[in-house]
PDB file of N, CA and C in Angstrom:
ATOM      1  N   MET A   1     248.133  53.131  21.202  1.00  0.00           N
ATOM      2  CA  MET A   1     247.847  51.763  21.245  1.00  0.00           C
ATOM      3  C   MET A   1     246.175  52.507  22.059  1.00  0.00           C
ATOM      4  N   GLU A   2     244.853  51.964  21.946  1.00  0.00           N
ATOM      5  CA  GLU A   2     243.817  52.054  22.623  1.00  0.00           C
ATOM      6  C   GLU A   2     243.602  50.595  22.431  1.00  0.00           C
ATOM      7  N   PRO A   3     242.705  50.534  23.794  1.00  0.00           N
ATOM      8  CA  PRO A   3     242.255  48.625  23.829  1.00  0.00           C
ATOM      9  C   PRO A   3     241.034  48.899  23.475  1.00  0.00           C
ATOM     10  N   TYR A   4     240.668  47.961  22.468  1.00  0.00           N
ATOM     11  CA  TYR A   4     239.373  47.053  22.255  1.00  0.00           C
ATOM     12  C   TYR A   4     238.715  46.426  22.937  1.00  0.00           C
ATOM     13  N   SER A   5     237.680  46.123  23.586  1.00  0.00           N
ATOM     14  CA  SER A   5     236.832  45.342  23.887  1.00  0.00           C
ATOM     15  C   SER A   5     236.408  43.585  23.404  1.00  0.00           C
ATOM     16  N   ASP A   6     236.984  44.219  21.633  1.00  0.00           N
ATOM     17  CA  ASP A   6     236.632  43.077  20.971  1.00  0.00           C
ATOM     18  C   ASP A   6     238.392  43.162  19.428  1.00  0.00           C
ATOM     19  N   ASP A   7     238.116  41.781  18.737  1.00  0.00           N
ATOM     20  CA  ASP A   7     239.312  41.881  17.856  1.00  0.00           C
ATOM     21  C   ASP A   7     238.702  42.277  16.580  1.00  0.00           C
ATOM     22  N   LYS A   8     237.928  43.422  16.456  1.00  0.00           N
ATOM     23  CA  LYS A   8     236.919  43.879  15.891  1.00  0.00           C
ATOM     24  C   LYS A   8     237.783  45.045  15.171  1.00  0.00           C
ATOM     25  N   TYR A   9     238.222  45.755  16.440  1.00  0.00           N
ATOM     26  CA  TYR A   9     238.729  46.907  16.096  1.00  0.00           C
ATOM     27  C   TYR A   9     237.801  48.367  16.220  1.00  0.00           C
ATOM     28  N   ASN A  10     236.050  48.197  16.284  1.00  0.00           N
ATOM     29  CA  ASN A  10     235.846  49.064  15.700  1.00  0.00           C
ATOM     30  C   ASN A  10     235.499  50.150  16.876  1.00  0.00           C
ATOM     31  N   SER A  11     235.759  51.302  16.322  1.00  0.00           N
ATOM     32  CA  SER A  11     235.586  52.716  17.438  1.00  0.00           C
ATOM     33  C   SER A  11     234.328  52.989  18.145  1.00  0.00           C
ATOM     34  N   ASN A  12     233.512  52.153  18.485  1.00  0.00           N
ATOM     35  CA  ASN A  12     232.405  52.080  19.314  1.00  0.00           C
ATOM     36  C   ASN A  12     232.917  50.690  20.112  1.00  0.00           C
ATOM     37  N   ASN A  13     234.146  50.123  20.423  1.00  0.00           N
ATOM     38  CA  ASN A  13     234.481  49.119  20.845  1.00  0.00           C
ATOM     39  C   ASN A  13     234.932  49.783  21.812  1.00  0.00           C
ATOM     40  N   ILE A  14     235.877  51.286  21.880  1.00  0.00           N
ATOM     41  CA  ILE A  14     237.463  51.258  22.863  1.00  0.00           C
ATOM     42  C   ILE A  14     237.237  51.575  24.066  1.00  0.00           C
ATOM     43  N   VAL A  15     238.163  51.030  24.689  1.00  0.00           N
ATOM     44  CA  VAL A  15     237.780  50.964  26.634  1.00  0.00           C
ATOM     45  C   VAL A  15     237.812  52.381  26.875  1.00  0.00           C
ATOM     46  N   SER A  16     237.181  52.798  28.012  1.00  0.00           N
ATOM     47  CA  SER A  16     237.772  54.016  28.597  1.00  0.00           C
ATOM     48  C   SER A  16     238.315  53.508  30.228  1.00  0.00           C
ATOM     49  N   GLU A  17     237.738  52.771  30.400  1.00  0.00           N
ATOM     50  CA  GLU A  17     238.054  51.944  31.413  1.00  0.00           C
ATOM     51  C   GLU A  17     237.438  50.278  31.597  1.00  0.00           C
ATOM     52  N   ALA A  18     239.229  49.935  31.939  1.00  0.00           N
ATOM     53  CA  ALA A  18     239.641  48.147  31.579  1.00  0.00           C
ATOM     54  C   ALA A  18     238.947  47.856  32.995  1.00  0.00           C
ATOM     55  N   LYS A  19     238.406  46.543  33.214  1.00  0.00           N
ATOM     56  CA  LYS A  19     237.693  45.636  34.247  1.00  0.00           C
ATOM     57  C   LYS A  19     239.010  44.763  34.838  1.00  0.00           C
ATOM     58  N   ASN A  20     239.088  44.360  35.975  1.00  0.00           N
ATOM     59  CA  ASN A  20     240.065  43.274  36.324  1.00  0.00           C
ATOM     60  C   ASN A  20     239.677  41.733  35.251  1.00  0.00           C
ATOM     61  N   LYS A  21     240.472  41.512  35.508  1.00  0.00           N
ATOM     62  CA  LYS A  21     240.272  39.622  34.595  1.00  0.00           C
ATOM     63  C   LYS A  21     239.624  40.171  33.319  1.00  0.00           C
ATOM     64  N   ARG A  22     239.600  40.741  32.318  1.00  0.00           N
ATOM     65  CA  ARG A  22     239.339  40.782  31.109  1.00  0.00           C
ATOM     66  C   ARG A  22     240.000  40.859  30.327  1.00  0.00           C
ATOM     67  N   THR A  23     239.753  40.593  28.812  1.00  0.00           N
ATOM     68  CA  THR A  23     240.975  40.247  27.841  1.00  0.00           C
ATOM     69  C   THR A  23     240.621  41.389  26.737  1.00  0.00           C
ATOM     70  N   TYR A  24     241.629  42.443  26.220  1.00  0.00           N
ATOM     71  CA  TYR A  24     241.644  43.161  25.454  1.00  0.00           C
ATOM     72  C   TYR A  24     242.551  43.074  24.001  1.00  0.00           C
ATOM     73  N   TYR A  25     242.173  43.948  22.932  1.00  0.00           N
ATOM     74  CA  TYR A  25     242.810  43.968  21.549  1.00  0.00           C
ATOM     75  C   TYR A  25     243.203  45.306  21.647  1.00  0.00           C
ATOM     76  N   ALA A  26     244.526  45.531  21.210  1.00  0.00           N
ATOM     77  CA  ALA A  26     245.256  46.435  20.769  1.00  0.00           C
ATOM     78  C   ALA A  26     245.935  46.142  19.107  1.00  0.00           C
ATOM     79  N   LYS A  27     245.964  47.027  18.612  1.00  0.00           N
ATOM     80  CA  LYS A  27     246.931  47.137  16.996  1.00  0.00           C
ATOM     81  C   LYS A  27     247.733  47.872  17.385  1.00  0.00           C
ATOM     82  N   ALA A  28     249.108  47.477  17.130  1.00  0.00           N
ATOM     83  CA  ALA A  28     250.674  48.516  17.147  1.00  0.00           C
ATOM     84  C   ALA A  28     250.618  48.314  15.577  1.00  0.00           C
ATOM     85  N   SER A  29     251.390  49.394  14.984  1.00  0.00           N
ATOM     86  CA  SER A  29     252.402  49.505  14.004  1.00  0.00           C
ATOM     87  C   SER A  29     253.670  49.337  13.809  1.00  0.00           C
ATOM     88  N   SER A  30     254.209  49.573  15.299  1.00  0.00           N
ATOM     89  CA  SER A  30     255.423  49.281  15.723  1.00  0.00           C
ATOM     90  C   SER A  30     255.975  47.498  15.905  1.00  0.00           C
ATOM     91  N   ASP A  31     256.835  47.433  15.985  1.00  0.00           N
ATOM     92  CA  ASP A  31     257.302  46.227  16.675  1.00  0.00           C
ATOM     93  C   ASP A  31     257.648  46.117  18.101  1.00  0.00           C
ATOM     94  N   ASN A  32     257.863  47.273  18.268  1.00  0.00           N
ATOM     95  CA  ASN A  32     258.743  47.843  19.646  1.00  0.00           C
ATOM     96  C   ASN A  32     257.257  49.087  20.675  1.00  0.00           C
ATOM     97  N   ILE A  33     256.842  48.815  21.397  1.00  0.00           N
ATOM     98  CA  ILE A  33     256.046  49.284  22.346  1.00  0.00           C
ATOM     99  C   ILE A  33     256.066  50.024  23.556  1.00  0.00           C
ATOM    100  N   SER A  34     255.954  50.814  24.092  1.00  0.00           N
ATOM    101  CA  SER A  34     255.808  50.641  25.737  1.00  0.00           C
ATOM    102  C   SER A  34     254.345  50.740  26.284  1.00  0.00           C
ATOM    103  N   VAL A  35     254.427  50.387  27.267  1.00  0.00           N
ATOM    104  CA  VAL A  35     252.920  50.451  27.699  1.00  0.00           C
ATOM    105  C   VAL A  35     252.899  51.319  29.136  1.00  0.00           C
ATOM    106  N   ASN A  36     252.311  52.445  28.796  1.00  0.00           N
ATOM    107  CA  ASN A  36     251.495  53.751  30.119  1.00  0.00           C
ATOM    108  C   ASN A  36     250.187  53.637  30.135  1.00  0.00           C
ATOM    109  N   ILE A  37     250.343  53.365  31.825  1.00  0.00           N
ATOM    110  CA  ILE A  37     249.352  53.633  32.378  1.00  0.00           C
ATOM    111  C   ILE A  37     248.206  54.621  32.982  1.00  0.00           C
ATOM    112  N   LYS A  38     247.476  55.078  32.534  1.00  0.00           N
ATOM    113  CA  LYS A  38     247.292  56.691  33.126  1.00  0.00           C
ATOM    114  C   LYS A  38     246.367  55.785  34.757  1.00  0.00           C
ATOM    115  N   ARG A  39     246.361  57.149  35.503  1.00  0.00           N
ATOM    116  CA  ARG A  39     245.910  57.020  36.581  1.00  0.00           C
ATOM    117  C   ARG A  39     246.659  55.754  37.755  1.00  0.00           C
ATOM    118  N   LEU A  40     247.298  55.215  37.292  1.00  0.00           N
ATOM    119  CA  LEU A  40     247.987  54.186  37.849  1.00  0.00           C
ATOM    120  C   LEU A  40     249.300  54.633  38.196  1.00  0.00           C
ATOM    121  N   ASP A  41     250.143  54.614  39.736  1.00  0.00           N
ATOM    122  CA  ASP A  41     251.261  54.445  39.570  1.00  0.00           C
ATOM    123  C   ASP A  41     252.142  53.383  39.166  1.00  0.00           C
ATOM    124  N   GLU A  42     253.202  53.571  38.245  1.00  0.00           N
ATOM    125  CA  GLU A  42     254.151  53.195  37.640  1.00  0.00           C
ATOM    126  C   GLU A  42     254.426  52.261  38.107  1.00  0.00           C
ATOM    127  N   LYS A  43     255.125  52.304  39.257  1.00  0.00           N
ATOM    128  CA  LYS A  43     256.441  51.334  39.822  1.00  0.00           C
ATOM    129  C   LYS A  43     255.521  50.350  40.513  1.00  0.00           C
ATOM    130  N   TYR A  44     254.128  50.442  40.586  1.00  0.00           N
ATOM    131  CA  TYR A  44     253.330  49.290  41.068  1.00  0.00           C
ATOM    132  C   TYR A  44     252.673  47.983  39.661  1.00  0.00           C
ATOM    133  N   ILE A  45     253.311  48.384  38.574  1.00  0.00           N
ATOM    134  CA  ILE A  45     252.767  47.768  37.928  1.00  0.00           C
ATOM    135  C   ILE A  45     253.457  46.838  36.581  1.00  0.00           C
ATOM    136  N   LYS A  46     253.539  45.929  36.637  1.00  0.00           N
ATOM    137  CA  LYS A  46     254.756  45.125  35.951  1.00  0.00           C
ATOM    138  C   LYS A  46     253.951  44.459  34.446  1.00  0.00           C
ATOM    139  N   VAL A  47     254.871  43.952  33.520  1.00  0.00           N
ATOM    140  CA  VAL A  47     254.221  43.700  32.408  1.00  0.00           C
ATOM    141  C   VAL A  47     254.909  42.422  32.444  1.00  0.00           C
ATOM    142  N   PHE A  48     254.291  41.634  31.735  1.00  0.00           N
ATOM    143  CA  PHE A  48     254.640  40.246  30.939  1.00  0.00           C
ATOM    144  C   PHE A  48     254.300  39.619  29.899  1.00  0.00           C
ATOM    145  N   ARG A  49     255.451  39.417  29.037  1.00  0.00           N
ATOM    146  CA  ARG A  49     254.956  38.893  27.755  1.00  0.00           C
ATOM    147  C   ARG A  49     254.297  37.056  27.559  1.00  0.00           C
ATOM    148  N   VAL A  50     253.523  36.648  27.283  1.00  0.00           N
ATOM    149  CA  VAL A  50     253.153  35.386  27.324  1.00  0.00           C
ATOM    150  C   VAL A  50     254.226  34.529  26.344  1.00  0.00           C
ATOM    151  N   THR A  51     254.673  33.486  26.643  1.00  0.00           N
ATOM    152  CA  THR A  51     255.680  33.109  26.516  1.00  0.00           C
ATOM    153  C   THR A  51     255.171  31.572  25.944  1.00  0.00           C
ATOM    154  N   SER A  52     254.010  30.746  26.641  1.00  0.00           N
ATOM    155  CA  SER A  52     253.405  29.238  26.332  1.00  0.00           C
ATOM    156  C   SER A  52     252.043  29.393  27.006  1.00  0.00           C
ATOM    157  N   TYR A  53     251.408  28.699  26.783  1.00  0.00           N
ATOM    158  CA  TYR A  53     250.013  28.329  26.246  1.00  0.00           C
ATOM    159  C   TYR A  53     250.242  26.623  27.221  1.00  0.00           C
ATOM    160  N   SER A  54     248.679  26.692  28.361  1.00  0.00           N
ATOM    161  CA  SER A  54     248.657  24.775  28.459  1.00  0.00           C
ATOM    162  C   SER A  54     247.601  24.433  27.388  1.00  0.00           C
ATOM    163  N   ASP A  55     247.774  22.825  27.450  1.00  0.00           N
ATOM    164  CA  ASP A  55     246.751  22.383  26.244  1.00  0.00           C
ATOM    165  C   ASP A  55     244.782  23.236  26.362  1.00  0.00           C
ATOM    166  N   ILE A  56     245.071  23.435  27.259  1.00  0.00           N
ATOM    167  CA  ILE A  56     243.590  24.293  27.677  1.00  0.00           C
ATOM    168  C   ILE A  56     243.220  26.164  26.964  1.00  0.00           C
ATOM    169  N   GLY A  57     244.281  26.110  26.782  1.00  0.00           N
ATOM    170  CA  GLY A  57     244.390  27.824  25.938  1.00  0.00           C
ATOM    171  C   GLY A  57     245.105  28.701  27.377  1.00  0.00           C
ATOM    172  N   GLU A  58     244.988  28.413  28.806  1.00  0.00           N
ATOM    173  CA  GLU A  58     245.404  28.854  29.772  1.00  0.00           C
ATOM    174  C   GLU A  58     246.917  29.644  29.811  1.00  0.00           C
ATOM    175  N   VAL A  59     247.560  30.625  30.235  1.00  0.00           N
ATOM    176  CA  VAL A  59     248.781  30.722  30.220  1.00  0.00           C
ATOM    177  C   VAL A  59     249.759  30.174  30.938  1.00  0.00           C
ATOM    178  N   ARG A  60     250.849  29.386  30.668  1.00  0.00           N
ATOM    179  CA  ARG A  60     251.758  29.203  31.252  1.00  0.00           C
ATOM    180  C   ARG A  60     253.146  29.577  31.858  1.00  0.00           C
ATOM    181  N   ARG A  61     253.207  30.123  31.263  1.00  0.00           N
ATOM    182  CA  ARG A  61     254.640  30.818  30.984  1.00  0.00           C
ATOM    183  C   ARG A  61     254.356  32.073  31.000  1.00  0.00           C
ATOM    184  N   ALA A  62     254.888  33.327  31.375  1.00  0.00           N
ATOM    185  CA  ALA A  62     255.301  34.519  30.592  1.00  0.00           C
ATOM    186  C   ALA A  62     256.457  35.550  31.604  1.00  0.00           C
ATOM    187  N   LYS A  63     257.090  35.924  30.890  1.00  0.00           N
ATOM    188  CA  LYS A  63     258.701  36.089  30.587  1.00  0.00           C
ATOM    189  C   LYS A  63     258.169  38.392  31.328  1.00  0.00           C
ATOM    190  N   LEU A  64     259.140  38.403  32.299  1.00  0.00           N
ATOM    191  CA  LEU A  64     258.585  39.566  32.916  1.00  0.00           C
ATOM    192  C   LEU A  64     259.686  40.966  31.034  1.00  0.00           C
ATOM    193  N   VAL A  65     258.215  41.788  31.173  1.00  0.00           N
ATOM    194  CA  VAL A  65     259.400  42.385  30.276  1.00  0.00           C
ATOM    195  C   VAL A  65     259.478  43.953  30.743  1.00  0.00           C
ATOM    196  N   ASP A  66     260.167  45.009  29.939  1.00  0.00           N
ATOM    197  CA  ASP A  66     260.374  46.484  30.613  1.00  0.00           C
ATOM    198  C   ASP A  66     259.259  46.937  29.658  1.00  0.00           C
ATOM    199  N   ASN A  67     258.761  47.871  31.099  1.00  0.00           N
ATOM    200  CA  ASN A  67     257.214  48.419  30.316  1.00  0.00           C
ATOM    201  C   ASN A  67     257.545  49.341  29.098  1.00  0.00           C
ATOM    202  N   ASP A  68     258.913  50.132  28.834  1.00  0.00           N
ATOM    203  CA  ASP A  68     259.006  51.067  27.805  1.00  0.00           C
ATOM    204  C   ASP A  68     259.944  50.142  26.854  1.00  0.00           C
ATOM    205  N   ASN A  69     259.825  49.372  27.107  1.00  0.00           N
ATOM    206  CA  ASN A  69     260.350  48.448  25.442  1.00  0.00           C
ATOM    207  C   ASN A  69     260.155  46.761  25.364  1.00  0.00           C
ATOM    208  N   ILE A  70     259.190  47.271  24.416  1.00  0.00           N
ATOM    209  CA  ILE A  70     258.241  45.488  24.558  1.00  0.00           C
ATOM    210  C   ILE A  70     258.164  45.703  22.925  1.00  0.00           C
ATOM    211  N   VAL A  71     258.792  43.984  22.623  1.00  0.00           N
ATOM    212  CA  VAL A  71     259.598  43.929  21.737  1.00  0.00           C
ATOM    213  C   VAL A  71     258.078  42.766  21.285  1.00  0.00           C
ATOM    214  N   LEU A  72     257.063  43.341  19.807  1.00  0.00           N
ATOM    215  CA  LEU A  72     256.335  42.755  19.347  1.00  0.00           C
ATOM    216  C   LEU A  72     256.611  41.055  18.366  1.00  0.00           C
ATOM    217  N   ASP A  73     256.024  40.378  18.349  1.00  0.00           N
ATOM    218  CA  ASP A  73     256.332  39.166  17.505  1.00  0.00           C
ATOM    219  C   ASP A  73     255.632  39.676  16.029  1.00  0.00           C
ATOM    220  N   PRO A  74     255.726  38.979  15.064  1.00  0.00           N
ATOM    221  CA  PRO A  74     255.087  39.446  13.738  1.00  0.00           C
ATOM    222  C   PRO A  74     253.462  38.763  14.126  1.00  0.00           C
ATOM    223  N   GLY A  75     252.312  39.345  13.654  1.00  0.00           N
ATOM    224  CA  GLY A  75     251.271  38.263  14.087  1.00  0.00           C
ATOM    225  C   GLY A  75     250.919  38.741  15.498  1.00  0.00           C
ATOM    226  N   THR A  76     250.390  37.827  16.473  1.00  0.00           N
ATOM    227  CA  THR A  76     249.846  38.629  17.631  1.00  0.00           C
ATOM    228  C   THR A  76     250.636  38.706  18.598  1.00  0.00           C
ATOM    229  N   THR A  77     250.837  39.238  20.094  1.00  0.00           N
ATOM    230  CA  THR A  77     251.410  39.310  21.324  1.00  0.00           C
ATOM    231  C   THR A  77     250.681  39.213  22.352  1.00  0.00           C
ATOM    232  N   THR A  78     250.699  38.604  23.337  1.00  0.00           N
ATOM    233  CA  THR A  78     250.114  38.125  24.310  1.00  0.00           C
ATOM    234  C   THR A  78     250.463  38.986  25.507  1.00  0.00           C
ATOM    235  N   LEU A  79     250.153  39.986  26.283  1.00  0.00           N
ATOM    236  CA  LEU A  79     250.538  40.750  27.171  1.00  0.00           C
ATOM    237  C   LEU A  79     249.665  40.662  28.907  1.00  0.00           C
ATOM    238  N   ILE A  80     250.333  40.231  29.611  1.00  0.00           N
ATOM    239  CA  ILE A  80     249.742  40.122  30.943  1.00  0.00           C
ATOM    240  C   ILE A  80     250.267  41.569  31.876  1.00  0.00           C
ATOM    241  N   ILE A  81     249.428  42.637  32.212  1.00  0.00           N
ATOM    242  CA  ILE A  81     249.688  43.843  33.015  1.00  0.00           C
ATOM    243  C   ILE A  81     248.790  43.146  34.324  1.00  0.00           C
ATOM    244  N   ARG A  82     250.361  43.650  35.233  1.00  0.00           N
ATOM    245  CA  ARG A  82     249.191  43.314  36.763  1.00  0.00           C
ATOM    246  C   ARG A  82     249.868  44.234  37.337  1.00  0.00           C
ATOM    247  N   VAL A  83     248.565  44.934  38.034  1.00  0.00           N
ATOM    248  CA  VAL A  83     248.902  46.255  38.957  1.00  0.00           C
ATOM    249  C   VAL A  83     248.889  45.361  40.634  1.00  0.00           C
ATOM    250  N   TYR A  84     249.791  46.061  41.087  1.00  0.00           N
ATOM    251  CA  TYR A  84     250.294  45.080  42.439  1.00  0.00           C
ATOM    252  C   TYR A  84     249.851  46.263  43.777  1.00  0.00           C
ATOM    253  N   ASN A  85     249.498  45.491  44.723  1.00  0.00           N
ATOM    254  CA  ASN A  85     249.117  46.620  45.918  1.00  0.00           C
ATOM    255  C   ASN A  85     250.013  46.958  46.404  1.00  0.00           C
ATOM    256  N   ASN A  86     251.343  46.274  46.295  1.00  0.00           N
ATOM    257  CA  ASN A  86     252.342  47.084  46.874  1.00  0.00           C
ATOM    258  C   ASN A  86     253.356  47.201  46.173  1.00  0.00           C
ATOM    259  N   LYS A  87     254.442  47.604  45.850  1.00  0.00           N
ATOM    260  CA  LYS A  87     255.549  47.512  45.213  1.00  0.00           C
ATOM    261  C   LYS A  87     255.948  45.894  45.141  1.00  0.00           C
ATOM    262  N   PRO A  88     256.321  45.925  44.144  1.00  0.00           N
ATOM    263  CA  PRO A  88     256.941  44.110  43.922  1.00  0.00           C
ATOM    264  C   PRO A  88     258.247  44.266  43.245  1.00  0.00           C
ATOM    265  N   ASP A  89     258.684  43.207  44.007  1.00  0.00           N
ATOM    266  CA  ASP A  89     260.158  43.170  43.655  1.00  0.00           C
ATOM    267  C   ASP A  89     260.470  43.384  41.962  1.00  0.00           C
ATOM    268  N   SER A  90     261.559  43.714  41.940  1.00  0.00           N
ATOM    269  CA  SER A  90     262.188  44.113  40.334  1.00  0.00           C
ATOM    270  C   SER A  90     262.358  43.056  39.621  1.00  0.00           C
ATOM    271  N   SER A  91     262.252  41.878  40.003  1.00  0.00           N
ATOM    272  CA  SER A  91     262.592  40.393  40.057  1.00  0.00           C
ATOM    273  C   SER A  91     261.721  39.698  39.622  1.00  0.00           C
ATOM    274  N   ILE A  92     260.238  40.196  39.935  1.00  0.00           N
ATOM    275  CA  ILE A  92     259.161  39.376  40.505  1.00  0.00           C
ATOM    276  C   ILE A  92     259.078  38.451  39.164  1.00  0.00           C
ATOM    277  N   LYS A  93     258.300  37.035  39.256  1.00  0.00           N
ATOM    278  CA  LYS A  93     257.951  36.234  38.175  1.00  0.00           C
ATOM    279  C   LYS A  93     256.881  36.334  37.961  1.00  0.00           C
ATOM    280  N   TYR A  94     255.973  35.727  37.028  1.00  0.00           N
ATOM    281  CA  TYR A  94     254.895  35.218  36.453  1.00  0.00           C
ATOM    282  C   TYR A  94     253.890  34.919  37.628  1.00  0.00           C
ATOM    283  N   GLU A  95     254.519  33.543  38.171  1.00  0.00           N
ATOM    284  CA  GLU A  95     254.104  32.237  38.682  1.00  0.00           C
ATOM    285  C   GLU A  95     254.013  33.218  40.740  1.00  0.00           C
ATOM    286  N   ASP A  96     255.030  33.617  40.395  1.00  0.00           N
ATOM    287  CA  ASP A  96     254.619  34.582  41.772  1.00  0.00           C
ATOM    288  C   ASP A  96     253.528  35.320  41.901  1.00  0.00           C
ATOM    289  N   ASP A  97     252.192  35.223  42.176  1.00  0.00           N
ATOM    290  CA  ASP A  97     250.491  35.733  41.734  1.00  0.00           C
ATOM    291  C   ASP A  97     250.058  35.990  43.469  1.00  0.00           C
ATOM    292  N   ASN A  98     251.020  36.616  44.383  1.00  0.00           N
ATOM    293  CA  ASN A  98     250.184  36.864  45.901  1.00  0.00           C
ATOM    294  C   ASN A  98     250.357  38.453  44.998  1.00  0.00           C
ATOM    295  N   ASN A  99     249.731  39.639  46.099  1.00  0.00           N
ATOM    296  CA  ASN A  99     249.768  40.700  46.254  1.00  0.00           C
ATOM    297  C   ASN A  99     249.128  41.558  45.272  1.00  0.00           C
ATOM    298  N   ILE A 100     248.659  40.632  44.197  1.00  0.00           N
ATOM    299  CA  ILE A 100     247.938  41.314  42.759  1.00  0.00           C
ATOM    300  C   ILE A 100     246.839  41.971  43.154  1.00  0.00           C
ATOM    301  N   LEU A 101     246.588  42.848  42.743  1.00  0.00           N
ATOM    302  CA  LEU A 101     245.724  44.017  42.929  1.00  0.00           C
ATOM    303  C   LEU A 101     243.911  43.837  41.151  1.00  0.00           C
ATOM    304  N   ASN A 102     245.001  44.070  40.230  1.00  0.00           N
ATOM    305  CA  ASN A 102     244.298  43.642  39.415  1.00  0.00           C
ATOM    306  C   ASN A 102     245.487  43.295  38.381  1.00  0.00           C
ATOM    307  N   GLU A 103     244.446  42.269  37.349  1.00  0.00           N
ATOM    308  CA  GLU A 103     245.210  41.706  35.711  1.00  0.00           C
ATOM    309  C   GLU A 103     245.001  42.179  34.927  1.00  0.00           C
ATOM    310  N   TYR A 104     245.482  42.449  33.749  1.00  0.00           N
ATOM    311  CA  TYR A 104     244.567  42.417  32.364  1.00  0.00           C
ATOM    312  C   TYR A 104     245.490  42.015  31.281  1.00  0.00           C
ATOM    313  N   GLU A 105     244.788  41.557  30.460  1.00  0.00           N
ATOM    314  CA  GLU A 105     245.260  40.458  29.359  1.00  0.00           C
ATOM    315  C   GLU A 105     244.938  41.336  27.674  1.00  0.00           C
ATOM    316  N   VAL A 106     246.395  41.736  26.979  1.00  0.00           N
ATOM    317  CA  VAL A 106     245.985  42.300  26.260  1.00  0.00           C
ATOM    318  C   VAL A 106     246.596  41.613  24.848  1.00  0.00           C
ATOM    319  N   LYS A 107     245.708  41.289  23.641  1.00  0.00           N
ATOM    320  CA  LYS A 107     246.659  40.948  22.545  1.00  0.00           C
ATOM    321  C   LYS A 107     246.734  41.841  21.561  1.00  0.00           C
ATOM    322  N   VAL A 108     248.079  41.990  20.940  1.00  0.00           N
ATOM    323  CA  VAL A 108     248.189  43.461  20.947  1.00  0.00           C
ATOM    324  C   VAL A 108     249.041  42.949  18.859  1.00  0.00           C
ATOM    325  N   GLU A 109     248.129  43.326  18.177  1.00  0.00           N
ATOM    326  CA  GLU A 109     248.410  42.577  16.883  1.00  0.00           C
ATOM    327  C   GLU A 109     249.474  43.513  16.181  1.00  0.00           C
ATOM    328  N   LEU A 110     250.239  42.954  15.456  1.00  0.00           N
ATOM    329  CA  LEU A 110     251.430  43.999  14.970  1.00  0.00           C
ATOM    330  C   LEU A 110     251.012  44.331  13.538  1.00  0.00           C
ATOM    331  N   ASP A 111     250.821  45.447  13.322  1.00  0.00           N
ATOM    332  CA  ASP A 111     250.047  45.391  11.932  1.00  0.00           C
ATOM    333  C   ASP A 111     250.893  46.738  11.250  1.00  0.00           C
ATOM    334  N   LYS A 112     251.571  46.245  10.815  1.00  0.00           N
ATOM    335  CA  LYS A 112     253.060  46.829   9.498  1.00  0.00           C
ATOM    336  C   LYS A 112     251.825  46.821   8.274  1.00  0.00           C
TER     337      LYS A 112
END
């Protein structure tokens, strides 16, 4: 999966280096994916699957998922990828927002 800077998926918009607090877009051909991030220590990365939004479109709830076994919904699934300064608890919750070095939102479109 390649991250794009917009939802048009134009090859000129492939992101080579992600910036903190940005939204990215990706397409997947399988409803089961994994997230591998190059150049970062994976033990400091956690992936959350968004489960609900507020009335103004902000993430209200997100559930911690296994980086190697992310199940996508038909349509678009939003993932929040967090990189932590120190190793987080294995049971960390989305609401626990301390110790975060970077955070990325990725909207993954299931393209079957």
